[in-house]
All heavy atoms as atom14 arrays in JSON, in Angstrom:
{
  "sequence": "WMFLSDLYALSRERQPIEGKLNPSVGHIPEGTAFKVGLTSDEDGFMAV",
  "atom14_mask": [
    [1, 1, 1, 1, 1, 1, 1, 1, 1, 1, 1, 1, 1, 1],
    [1, 1, 1, 1, 1, 1, 1, 1, 0, 0, 0, 0, 0, 0],
    [1, 1, 1, 1, 1, 1, 1, 1, 1, 1, 1, 0, 0, 0],
    [1, 1, 1, 1, 1, 1, 1, 1, 0, 0, 0, 0, 0, 0],
    [1, 1, 1, 1, 1, 1, 0, 0, 0, 0, 0, 0, 0, 0],
    [1, 1, 1, 1, 1, 1, 1, 1, 0, 0, 0, 0, 0, 0],
    [1, 1, 1, 1, 1, 1, 1, 1, 0, 0, 0, 0, 0, 0],
    [1, 1, 1, 1, 1, 1, 1, 1, 1, 1, 1, 1, 0, 0],
    [1, 1, 1, 1, 1, 0, 0, 0, 0, 0, 0, 0, 0, 0],
    [1, 1, 1, 1, 1, 1, 1, 1, 0, 0, 0, 0, 0, 0],
    [1, 1, 1, 1, 1, 1, 0, 0, 0, 0, 0, 0, 0, 0],
    [1, 1, 1, 1, 1, 1, 1, 1, 1, 1, 1, 0, 0, 0],
    [1, 1, 1, 1, 1, 1, 1, 1, 1, 0, 0, 0, 0, 0],
    [1, 1, 1, 1, 1, 1, 1, 1, 1, 1, 1, 0, 0, 0],
    [1, 1, 1, 1, 1, 1, 1, 1, 1, 0, 0, 0, 0, 0],
    [1, 1, 1, 1, 1, 1, 1, 0, 0, 0, 0, 0, 0, 0],
    [1, 1, 1, 1, 1, 1, 1, 1, 0, 0, 0, 0, 0, 0],
    [1, 1, 1, 1, 1, 1, 1, 1, 1, 0, 0, 0, 0, 0],
    [1, 1, 1, 1, 0, 0, 0, 0, 0, 0, 0, 0, 0, 0],
    [1, 1, 1, 1, 1, 1, 1, 1, 1, 0, 0, 0, 0, 0],
    [1, 1, 1, 1, 1, 1, 1, 1, 0, 0, 0, 0, 0, 0],
    [1, 1, 1, 1, 1, 1, 1, 1, 0, 0, 0, 0, 0, 0],
    [1, 1, 1, 1, 1, 1, 1, 0, 0, 0, 0, 0, 0, 0],
    [1, 1, 1, 1, 1, 1, 0, 0, 0, 0, 0, 0, 0, 0],
    [1, 1, 1, 1, 1, 1, 1, 0, 0, 0, 0, 0, 0, 0],
    [1, 1, 1, 1, 0, 0, 0, 0, 0, 0, 0, 0, 0, 0],
    [1, 1, 1, 1, 1, 1, 1, 1, 1, 1, 0, 0, 0, 0],
    [1, 1, 1, 1, 1, 1, 1, 1, 0, 0, 0, 0, 0, 0],
    [1, 1, 1, 1, 1, 1, 1, 0, 0, 0, 0, 0, 0, 0],
    [1, 1, 1, 1, 1, 1, 1, 1, 1, 0, 0, 0, 0, 0],
    [1, 1, 1, 1, 0, 0, 0, 0, 0, 0, 0, 0, 0, 0],
    [1, 1, 1, 1, 1, 1, 1, 0, 0, 0, 0, 0, 0, 0],
    [1, 1, 1, 1, 1, 0, 0, 0, 0, 0, 0, 0, 0, 0],
    [1, 1, 1, 1, 1, 1, 1, 1, 1, 1, 1, 0, 0, 0],
    [1, 1, 1, 1, 1, 1, 1, 1, 1, 0, 0, 0, 0, 0],
    [1, 1, 1, 1, 1, 1, 1, 0, 0, 0, 0, 0, 0, 0],
    [1, 1, 1, 1, 0, 0, 0, 0, 0, 0, 0, 0, 0, 0],
    [1, 1, 1, 1, 1, 1, 1, 1, 0, 0, 0, 0, 0, 0],
    [1, 1, 1, 1, 1, 1, 1, 0, 0, 0, 0, 0, 0, 0],
    [1, 1, 1, 1, 1, 1, 0, 0, 0, 0, 0, 0, 0, 0],
    [1, 1, 1, 1, 1, 1, 1, 1, 0, 0, 0, 0, 0, 0],
    [1, 1, 1, 1, 1, 1, 1, 1, 1, 0, 0, 0, 0, 0],
    [1, 1, 1, 1, 1, 1, 1, 1, 0, 0, 0, 0, 0, 0],
    [1, 1, 1, 1, 0, 0, 0, 0, 0, 0, 0, 0, 0, 0],
    [1, 1, 1, 1, 1, 1, 1, 1, 1, 1, 1, 0, 0, 0],
    [1, 1, 1, 1, 1, 1, 1, 1, 0, 0, 0, 0, 0, 0],
    [1, 1, 1, 1, 1, 0, 0, 0, 0, 0, 0, 0, 0, 0],
    [1, 1, 1, 1, 1, 1, 1, 0, 0, 0, 0, 0, 0, 0]
  ],
  "atom14_positions": [
    [[0.81, -1.22, 0.0], [0.0, 0.0, 0.0], [0.84, 1.26, 0.0], [0.4, 2.3, -0.49], [-0.97, -0.04, 1.18], [-2.12, -0.97, 0.86], [-2.15, -2.32, 1.0], [-3.38, -0.61, 0.28], [-3.34, -2.83, 0.56], [-4.13, -1.8, 0.11], [-3.95, 0.6, -0.1], [-5.41, -1.8, -0.43], [-5.23, 0.6, -0.62], [-5.95, -0.59, -0.79]],
    [[2.06, 1.21, 0.5], [2.98, 2.34, 0.33], [3.28, 2.54, -1.15], [3.24, 3.67, -1.66], [4.27, 2.09, 1.12], [4.15, 2.21, 2.62], [5.65, 1.65, 3.5], [6.87, 2.79, 2.87], [0.0, 0.0, 0.0], [0.0, 0.0, 0.0], [0.0, 0.0, 0.0], [0.0, 0.0, 0.0], [0.0, 0.0, 0.0], [0.0, 0.0, 0.0]],
    [[3.58, 1.45, -1.84], [3.87, 1.53, -3.27], [2.63, 1.97, -4.04], [2.71, 2.81, -4.95], [4.35, 0.18, -3.78], [4.73, 0.17, -5.23], [5.9, 0.75, -5.67], [3.89, -0.42, -6.16], [6.24, 0.76, -7.01], [4.22, -0.43, -7.51], [5.4, 0.16, -7.94], [0.0, 0.0, 0.0], [0.0, 0.0, 0.0], [0.0, 0.0, 0.0]],
    [[1.47, 1.43, -3.66], [0.24, 1.78, -4.33], [-0.08, 3.26, -4.16], [-0.53, 3.94, -5.09], [-0.9, 0.91, -3.79], [-2.2, 0.85, -4.59], [-1.96, 0.31, -6.0], [-3.21, -0.02, -3.87], [0.0, 0.0, 0.0], [0.0, 0.0, 0.0], [0.0, 0.0, 0.0], [0.0, 0.0, 0.0], [0.0, 0.0, 0.0], [0.0, 0.0, 0.0]],
    [[0.16, 3.78, -2.96], [-0.05, 5.2, -2.71], [0.82, 6.06, -3.61], [0.38, 7.06, -4.19], [0.24, 5.51, -1.24], [0.16, 6.88, -0.97], [0.0, 0.0, 0.0], [0.0, 0.0, 0.0], [0.0, 0.0, 0.0], [0.0, 0.0, 0.0], [0.0, 0.0, 0.0], [0.0, 0.0, 0.0], [0.0, 0.0, 0.0], [0.0, 0.0, 0.0]],
    [[2.09, 5.67, -3.76], [2.99, 6.4, -4.66], [2.53, 6.28, -6.11], [2.63, 7.23, -6.89], [4.41, 5.85, -4.53], [5.05, 6.21, -3.21], [4.62, 7.2, -2.59], [5.98, 5.5, -2.79], [0.0, 0.0, 0.0], [0.0, 0.0, 0.0], [0.0, 0.0, 0.0], [0.0, 0.0, 0.0], [0.0, 0.0, 0.0], [0.0, 0.0, 0.0]],
    [[2.03, 5.09, -6.46], [1.57, 4.87, -7.83], [0.33, 5.69, -8.12], [0.16, 6.24, -9.22], [1.29, 3.38, -8.03], [1.26, 2.85, -9.46], [2.57, 3.14, -10.19], [0.99, 1.35, -9.44], [0.0, 0.0, 0.0], [0.0, 0.0, 0.0], [0.0, 0.0, 0.0], [0.0, 0.0, 0.0], [0.0, 0.0, 0.0], [0.0, 0.0, 0.0]],
    [[-0.59, 5.8, -7.14], [-1.76, 6.65, -7.3], [-1.33, 8.09, -7.56], [-1.86, 8.77, -8.44], [-2.62, 6.61, -6.04], [-3.47, 5.38, -5.88], [-3.87, 4.95, -4.61], [-3.9, 4.64, -6.97], [-4.67, 3.84, -4.44], [-4.69, 3.51, -6.81], [-5.06, 3.11, -5.54], [-5.85, 2.0, -5.38], [0.0, 0.0, 0.0], [0.0, 0.0, 0.0]],
    [[-0.38, 8.58, -6.75], [0.07, 9.96, -6.92], [0.7, 10.17, -8.3], [0.45, 11.19, -8.96], [1.08, 10.31, -5.82], [0.0, 0.0, 0.0], [0.0, 0.0, 0.0], [0.0, 0.0, 0.0], [0.0, 0.0, 0.0], [0.0, 0.0, 0.0], [0.0, 0.0, 0.0], [0.0, 0.0, 0.0], [0.0, 0.0, 0.0], [0.0, 0.0, 0.0]],
    [[1.49, 9.21, -8.76], [2.09, 9.31, -10.08], [1.02, 9.28, -11.17], [1.11, 10.01, -12.17], [3.09, 8.16, -10.28], [3.79, 8.1, -11.64], [4.61, 9.37, -11.9], [4.68, 6.85, -11.72], [0.0, 0.0, 0.0], [0.0, 0.0, 0.0], [0.0, 0.0, 0.0], [0.0, 0.0, 0.0], [0.0, 0.0, 0.0], [0.0, 0.0, 0.0]],
    [[0.0, 8.45, -10.99], [-1.04, 8.33, -12.01], [-1.78, 9.65, -12.21], [-2.26, 9.93, -13.3], [-2.03, 7.22, -11.64], [-2.88, 7.59, -10.57], [0.0, 0.0, 0.0], [0.0, 0.0, 0.0], [0.0, 0.0, 0.0], [0.0, 0.0, 0.0], [0.0, 0.0, 0.0], [0.0, 0.0, 0.0], [0.0, 0.0, 0.0], [0.0, 0.0, 0.0]],
    [[-1.87, 10.46, -11.16], [-2.55, 11.75, -11.29], [-1.73, 12.76, -12.06], [-2.23, 13.82, -12.44], [-2.92, 12.29, -9.9], [-3.98, 11.46, -9.2], [-4.53, 12.15, -7.97], [-3.59, 12.19, -6.87], [-3.46, 11.23, -5.96], [-4.18, 10.13, -6.06], [-2.6, 11.36, -4.97], [0.0, 0.0, 0.0], [0.0, 0.0, 0.0], [0.0, 0.0, 0.0]],
    [[-0.45, 12.44, -12.29], [0.4, 13.29, -13.11], [0.47, 12.8, -14.56], [1.13, 13.41, -15.39], [1.82, 13.31, -12.53], [1.92, 13.8, -11.09], [1.64, 15.28, -10.96], [1.69, 15.99, -12.0], [1.36, 15.73, -9.83], [0.0, 0.0, 0.0], [0.0, 0.0, 0.0], [0.0, 0.0, 0.0], [0.0, 0.0, 0.0], [0.0, 0.0, 0.0]],
    [[-0.2, 11.7, -14.84], [-0.19, 11.12, -16.18], [-1.62, 11.06, -16.72], [-2.58, 11.3, -16.0], [0.4, 9.69, -16.15], [1.83, 9.61, -15.64], [2.8, 10.33, -16.57], [4.2, 10.07, -16.2], [4.91, 10.81, -15.36], [4.33, 11.86, -14.78], [6.16, 10.51, -15.08], [0.0, 0.0, 0.0], [0.0, 0.0, 0.0], [0.0, 0.0, 0.0]],
    [[-1.76, 10.72, -17.99], [-3.08, 10.55, -18.55], [-3.75, 9.32, -17.93], [-3.08, 8.33, -17.64], [-3.0, 10.4, -20.07], [-2.49, 11.65, -20.79], [-2.48, 11.48, -22.29], [-3.13, 10.6, -22.83], [-1.74, 12.33, -22.97], [0.0, 0.0, 0.0], [0.0, 0.0, 0.0], [0.0, 0.0, 0.0], [0.0, 0.0, 0.0], [0.0, 0.0, 0.0]],
    [[-5.07, 9.38, -17.74], [-5.76, 8.24, -17.14], [-6.03, 7.14, -18.16], [-6.15, 7.39, -19.36], [-7.07, 8.85, -16.64], [-7.32, 10.0, -17.56], [-5.96, 10.54, -17.92], [0.0, 0.0, 0.0], [0.0, 0.0, 0.0], [0.0, 0.0, 0.0], [0.0, 0.0, 0.0], [0.0, 0.0, 0.0], [0.0, 0.0, 0.0], [0.0, 0.0, 0.0]],
    [[-6.11, 5.93, -17.67], [-6.56, 4.77, -18.45], [-7.81, 4.25, -17.77], [-7.79, 3.97, -16.57], [-5.48, 3.68, -18.52], [-4.27, 4.17, -19.33], [-6.04, 2.4, -19.15], [-3.09, 3.22, -19.31], [0.0, 0.0, 0.0], [0.0, 0.0, 0.0], [0.0, 0.0, 0.0], [0.0, 0.0, 0.0], [0.0, 0.0, 0.0], [0.0, 0.0, 0.0]],
    [[-8.89, 4.14, -18.51], [-10.15, 3.71, -17.92], [-10.1, 2.25, -17.5], [-9.67, 1.38, -18.26], [-11.29, 3.9, -18.93], [-12.65, 3.49, -18.4], [-13.74, 3.6, -19.44], [-13.42, 3.59, -20.65], [-14.92, 3.69, -19.05], [0.0, 0.0, 0.0], [0.0, 0.0, 0.0], [0.0, 0.0, 0.0], [0.0, 0.0, 0.0], [0.0, 0.0, 0.0]],
    [[-10.51, 2.0, -16.26], [-10.56, 0.63, -15.76], [-11.98, 0.24, -15.41], [-12.68, 0.99, -14.74], [0.0, 0.0, 0.0], [0.0, 0.0, 0.0], [0.0, 0.0, 0.0], [0.0, 0.0, 0.0], [0.0, 0.0, 0.0], [0.0, 0.0, 0.0], [0.0, 0.0, 0.0], [0.0, 0.0, 0.0], [0.0, 0.0, 0.0], [0.0, 0.0, 0.0]],
    [[-12.42, -0.92, -15.89], [-13.77, -1.4, -15.59], [-13.72, -2.85, -15.15], [-13.01, -3.67, -15.73], [-14.69, -1.25, -16.81], [-15.09, 0.19, -17.1], [-16.17, 0.28, -18.15], [-16.63, 1.71, -18.34], [-17.7, 1.81, -19.37], [0.0, 0.0, 0.0], [0.0, 0.0, 0.0], [0.0, 0.0, 0.0], [0.0, 0.0, 0.0], [0.0, 0.0, 0.0]],
    [[-14.51, -3.14, -14.12], [-14.59, -4.48, -13.55], [-15.98, -5.05, -13.79], [-16.97, -4.35, -13.62], [-14.29, -4.42, -12.05], [-14.4, -5.71, -11.24], [-13.35, -6.7, -11.67], [-14.29, -5.4, -9.75], [0.0, 0.0, 0.0], [0.0, 0.0, 0.0], [0.0, 0.0, 0.0], [0.0, 0.0, 0.0], [0.0, 0.0, 0.0], [0.0, 0.0, 0.0]],
    [[-16.05, -6.31, -14.2], [-17.33, -6.97, -14.41], [-17.28, -8.36, -13.76], [-16.48, -9.19, -14.17], [-17.62, -7.1, -15.91], [-19.0, -7.68, -16.18], [-19.86, -7.68, -15.32], [-19.19, -8.18, -17.39], [0.0, 0.0, 0.0], [0.0, 0.0, 0.0], [0.0, 0.0, 0.0], [0.0, 0.0, 0.0], [0.0, 0.0, 0.0], [0.0, 0.0, 0.0]],
    [[-18.11, -8.61, -12.71], [-19.13, -7.73, -12.14], [-18.51, -6.57, -11.35], [-17.41, -6.7, -10.8], [-19.91, -8.67, -11.21], [-18.92, -9.73, -10.84], [-18.06, -9.93, -12.04], [0.0, 0.0, 0.0], [0.0, 0.0, 0.0], [0.0, 0.0, 0.0], [0.0, 0.0, 0.0], [0.0, 0.0, 0.0], [0.0, 0.0, 0.0], [0.0, 0.0, 0.0]],
    [[-19.25, -5.46, -11.31], [-18.69, -4.23, -10.75], [-19.1, -3.97, -9.31], [-18.61, -3.02, -8.7], [-19.11, -3.05, -11.62], [-20.52, -2.92, -11.65], [0.0, 0.0, 0.0], [0.0, 0.0, 0.0], [0.0, 0.0, 0.0], [0.0, 0.0, 0.0], [0.0, 0.0, 0.0], [0.0, 0.0, 0.0], [0.0, 0.0, 0.0], [0.0, 0.0, 0.0]],
    [[-20.02, -4.76, -8.76], [-20.56, -4.5, -7.43], [-20.29, -5.7, -6.52], [-20.45, -6.85, -6.92], [-22.07, -4.22, -7.48], [-22.64, -4.04, -6.08], [-22.36, -2.99, -8.33], [0.0, 0.0, 0.0], [0.0, 0.0, 0.0], [0.0, 0.0, 0.0], [0.0, 0.0, 0.0], [0.0, 0.0, 0.0], [0.0, 0.0, 0.0], [0.0, 0.0, 0.0]],
    [[-19.86, -5.4, -5.28], [-19.7, -6.45, -4.29], [-18.34, -7.11, -4.32], [-17.47, -6.8, -5.15], [0.0, 0.0, 0.0], [0.0, 0.0, 0.0], [0.0, 0.0, 0.0], [0.0, 0.0, 0.0], [0.0, 0.0, 0.0], [0.0, 0.0, 0.0], [0.0, 0.0, 0.0], [0.0, 0.0, 0.0], [0.0, 0.0, 0.0], [0.0, 0.0, 0.0]],
    [[-18.13, -8.05, -3.39], [-16.92, -8.85, -3.35], [-17.1, -10.07, -4.24], [-18.17, -10.69, -4.24], [-16.63, -9.28, -1.91], [-16.3, -8.15, -0.99], [-17.28, -7.37, -0.4], [-15.11, -7.65, -0.57], [-16.7, -6.44, 0.35], [-15.39, -6.59, 0.27], [0.0, 0.0, 0.0], [0.0, 0.0, 0.0], [0.0, 0.0, 0.0], [0.0, 0.0, 0.0]],
    [[-16.07, -10.45, -4.95], [-16.15, -11.58, -5.88], [-15.78, -12.86, -5.13], [-14.68, -12.99, -4.59], [-15.2, -11.36, -7.07], [-15.6, -10.07, -7.81], [-15.25, -12.55, -8.02], [-14.64, -9.67, -8.91], [0.0, 0.0, 0.0], [0.0, 0.0, 0.0], [0.0, 0.0, 0.0], [0.0, 0.0, 0.0], [0.0, 0.0, 0.0], [0.0, 0.0, 0.0]],
    [[-16.72, -13.83, -5.06], [-16.46, -15.06, -4.29], [-15.41, -15.96, -4.95], [-15.22, -15.93, -6.17], [-17.84, -15.75, -4.25], [-18.83, -14.71, -4.64], [-18.1, -13.78, -5.57], [0.0, 0.0, 0.0], [0.0, 0.0, 0.0], [0.0, 0.0, 0.0], [0.0, 0.0, 0.0], [0.0, 0.0, 0.0], [0.0, 0.0, 0.0], [0.0, 0.0, 0.0]],
    [[-14.77, -16.76, -4.13], [-13.77, -17.72, -4.58], [-14.3, -18.57, -5.74], [-15.43, -19.06, -5.72], [-13.41, -18.63, -3.4], [-12.4, -19.71, -3.71], [-12.1, -20.57, -2.51], [-12.76, -20.38, -1.46], [-11.22, -21.44, -2.61], [0.0, 0.0, 0.0], [0.0, 0.0, 0.0], [0.0, 0.0, 0.0], [0.0, 0.0, 0.0], [0.0, 0.0, 0.0]],
    [[-13.47, -18.7, -6.78], [-13.82, -19.52, -7.93], [-14.65, -18.82, -8.98], [-14.86, -19.36, -10.08], [0.0, 0.0, 0.0], [0.0, 0.0, 0.0], [0.0, 0.0, 0.0], [0.0, 0.0, 0.0], [0.0, 0.0, 0.0], [0.0, 0.0, 0.0], [0.0, 0.0, 0.0], [0.0, 0.0, 0.0], [0.0, 0.0, 0.0], [0.0, 0.0, 0.0]],
    [[-15.13, -17.6, -8.71], [-15.98, -16.87, -9.65], [-15.14, -16.19, -10.72], [-14.14, -15.54, -10.42], [-16.82, -15.82, -8.91], [-17.63, -16.46, -7.92], [-17.72, -15.05, -9.87], [0.0, 0.0, 0.0], [0.0, 0.0, 0.0], [0.0, 0.0, 0.0], [0.0, 0.0, 0.0], [0.0, 0.0, 0.0], [0.0, 0.0, 0.0], [0.0, 0.0, 0.0]],
    [[-15.55, -16.34, -11.96], [-14.86, -15.67, -13.07], [-15.24, -14.19, -13.1], [-16.37, -13.81, -12.8], [-15.24, -16.33, -14.39], [0.0, 0.0, 0.0], [0.0, 0.0, 0.0], [0.0, 0.0, 0.0], [0.0, 0.0, 0.0], [0.0, 0.0, 0.0], [0.0, 0.0, 0.0], [0.0, 0.0, 0.0], [0.0, 0.0, 0.0], [0.0, 0.0, 0.0]],
    [[-14.28, -13.36, -13.45], [-14.56, -11.93, -13.61], [-13.63, -11.37, -14.69], [-12.65, -12.01, -15.09], [-14.38, -11.17, -12.3], [-12.98, -11.18, -11.74], [-12.09, -10.16, -12.02], [-12.55, -12.22, -10.93], [-10.8, -10.17, -11.51], [-11.27, -12.25, -10.4], [-10.39, -11.22, -10.69], [0.0, 0.0, 0.0], [0.0, 0.0, 0.0], [0.0, 0.0, 0.0]],
    [[-13.96, -10.18, -15.15], [-13.18, -9.53, -16.2], [-12.73, -8.15, -15.74], [-13.48, -7.44, -15.08], [-14.01, -9.4, -17.48], [-14.38, -10.72, -18.13], [-15.16, -10.5, -19.42], [-15.5, -11.83, -20.08], [-16.23, -11.63, -21.37], [0.0, 0.0, 0.0], [0.0, 0.0, 0.0], [0.0, 0.0, 0.0], [0.0, 0.0, 0.0], [0.0, 0.0, 0.0]],
    [[-11.52, -7.79, -16.14], [-11.0, -6.44, -15.93], [-10.67, -5.88, -17.31], [-9.88, -6.48, -18.05], [-9.75, -6.43, -15.04], [-9.21, -5.01, -14.91], [-10.07, -7.0, -13.66], [0.0, 0.0, 0.0], [0.0, 0.0, 0.0], [0.0, 0.0, 0.0], [0.0, 0.0, 0.0], [0.0, 0.0, 0.0], [0.0, 0.0, 0.0], [0.0, 0.0, 0.0]],
    [[-11.31, -4.77, -17.65], [-11.05, -4.12, -18.93], [-10.32, -2.81, -18.74], [-10.7, -1.99, -17.9], [0.0, 0.0, 0.0], [0.0, 0.0, 0.0], [0.0, 0.0, 0.0], [0.0, 0.0, 0.0], [0.0, 0.0, 0.0], [0.0, 0.0, 0.0], [0.0, 0.0, 0.0], [0.0, 0.0, 0.0], [0.0, 0.0, 0.0], [0.0, 0.0, 0.0]],
    [[-9.24, -2.61, -19.47], [-8.44, -1.39, -19.4], [-8.42, -0.76, -20.79], [-8.02, -1.41, -21.76], [-7.02, -1.7, -18.92], [-6.94, -2.3, -17.51], [-5.63, -3.03, -17.3], [-7.09, -1.19, -16.47], [0.0, 0.0, 0.0], [0.0, 0.0, 0.0], [0.0, 0.0, 0.0], [0.0, 0.0, 0.0], [0.0, 0.0, 0.0], [0.0, 0.0, 0.0]],
    [[-8.86, 0.49, -20.88], [-9.02, 1.15, -22.18], [-8.18, 2.41, -22.24], [-8.34, 3.32, -21.42], [-10.49, 1.49, -22.43], [-11.29, 0.32, -22.3], [-10.67, 2.06, -23.83], [0.0, 0.0, 0.0], [0.0, 0.0, 0.0], [0.0, 0.0, 0.0], [0.0, 0.0, 0.0], [0.0, 0.0, 0.0], [0.0, 0.0, 0.0], [0.0, 0.0, 0.0]],
    [[-7.29, 2.46, -23.23], [-6.43, 3.62, -23.45], [-7.05, 4.53, -24.5], [-7.72, 4.07, -25.44], [-5.05, 3.15, -23.91], [-4.27, 4.24, -24.35], [0.0, 0.0, 0.0], [0.0, 0.0, 0.0], [0.0, 0.0, 0.0], [0.0, 0.0, 0.0], [0.0, 0.0, 0.0], [0.0, 0.0, 0.0], [0.0, 0.0, 0.0], [0.0, 0.0, 0.0]],
    [[-6.84, 5.84, -24.36], [-7.36, 6.79, -25.34], [-6.46, 6.91, -26.57], [-6.87, 7.49, -27.58], [-7.51, 8.18, -24.71], [-8.94, 8.43, -24.28], [-9.7, 7.47, -24.16], [-9.31, 9.61, -24.08], [0.0, 0.0, 0.0], [0.0, 0.0, 0.0], [0.0, 0.0, 0.0], [0.0, 0.0, 0.0], [0.0, 0.0, 0.0], [0.0, 0.0, 0.0]],
    [[-5.26, 6.38, -26.49], [-4.3, 6.51, -27.6], [-3.61, 5.17, -27.84], [-3.53, 4.32, -26.95], [-3.26, 7.59, -27.29], [-3.83, 8.98, -27.09], [-2.77, 10.0, -26.74], [-1.56, 9.65, -26.86], [-3.12, 11.12, -26.34], [0.0, 0.0, 0.0], [0.0, 0.0, 0.0], [0.0, 0.0, 0.0], [0.0, 0.0, 0.0], [0.0, 0.0, 0.0]],
    [[-3.09, 5.02, -29.07], [-2.26, 3.86, -29.37], [-0.96, 3.93, -28.56], [-0.52, 5.01, -28.17], [-1.92, 3.82, -30.86], [-3.14, 3.58, -31.73], [-4.16, 3.11, -31.21], [-3.07, 3.9, -32.93], [0.0, 0.0, 0.0], [0.0, 0.0, 0.0], [0.0, 0.0, 0.0], [0.0, 0.0, 0.0], [0.0, 0.0, 0.0], [0.0, 0.0, 0.0]],
    [[-0.35, 2.79, -28.35], [0.93, 2.8, -27.65], [1.36, 1.4, -27.31], [0.91, 0.42, -27.9], [0.0, 0.0, 0.0], [0.0, 0.0, 0.0], [0.0, 0.0, 0.0], [0.0, 0.0, 0.0], [0.0, 0.0, 0.0], [0.0, 0.0, 0.0], [0.0, 0.0, 0.0], [0.0, 0.0, 0.0], [0.0, 0.0, 0.0], [0.0, 0.0, 0.0]],
    [[2.26, 1.32, -26.34], [2.79, 0.04, -25.88], [2.52, -0.07, -24.38], [2.54, 0.93, -23.66], [4.27, -0.07, -26.18], [4.58, -0.04, -27.64], [4.83, 1.16, -28.29], [4.6, -1.21, -28.38], [5.1, 1.19, -29.64], [4.87, -1.19, -29.75], [5.11, 0.02, -30.38], [0.0, 0.0, 0.0], [0.0, 0.0, 0.0], [0.0, 0.0, 0.0]],
    [[2.28, -1.29, -23.9], [1.82, -1.47, -22.53], [2.63, -2.5, -21.77], [3.3, -3.37, -22.34], [0.35, -1.91, -22.54], [0.17, -3.3, -23.13], [-1.5, -3.92, -22.96], [-1.32, -5.53, -23.76], [0.0, 0.0, 0.0], [0.0, 0.0, 0.0], [0.0, 0.0, 0.0], [0.0, 0.0, 0.0], [0.0, 0.0, 0.0], [0.0, 0.0, 0.0]],
    [[2.54, -2.37, -20.47], [2.94, -3.41, -19.53], [1.84, -3.49, -18.49], [1.36, -2.45, -18.02], [4.28, -3.08, -18.88], [0.0, 0.0, 0.0], [0.0, 0.0, 0.0], [0.0, 0.0, 0.0], [0.0, 0.0, 0.0], [0.0, 0.0, 0.0], [0.0, 0.0, 0.0], [0.0, 0.0, 0.0], [0.0, 0.0, 0.0], [0.0, 0.0, 0.0]],
    [[1.42, -4.69, -18.16], [0.32, -4.88, -17.2], [0.8, -5.82, -16.1], [1.36, -6.89, -16.39], [-0.94, -5.45, -17.89], [-2.08, -5.57, -16.87], [-1.36, -4.59, -19.07], [0.0, 0.0, 0.0], [0.0, 0.0, 0.0], [0.0, 0.0, 0.0], [0.0, 0.0, 0.0], [0.0, 0.0, 0.0], [0.0, 0.0, 0.0], [0.0, 0.0, 0.0]]
  ]
}
């Protein structure tokens, strides 16, 4: 969470990338499939 806090601060200095979770509400139970979608506004190269 120290690293995540620093990463959050850095992200506010960069362009945002939209993140969406499906399902989006509640805690996801063990064994349940879910999807994370990340959408960039521009072409480029990524690391995830």
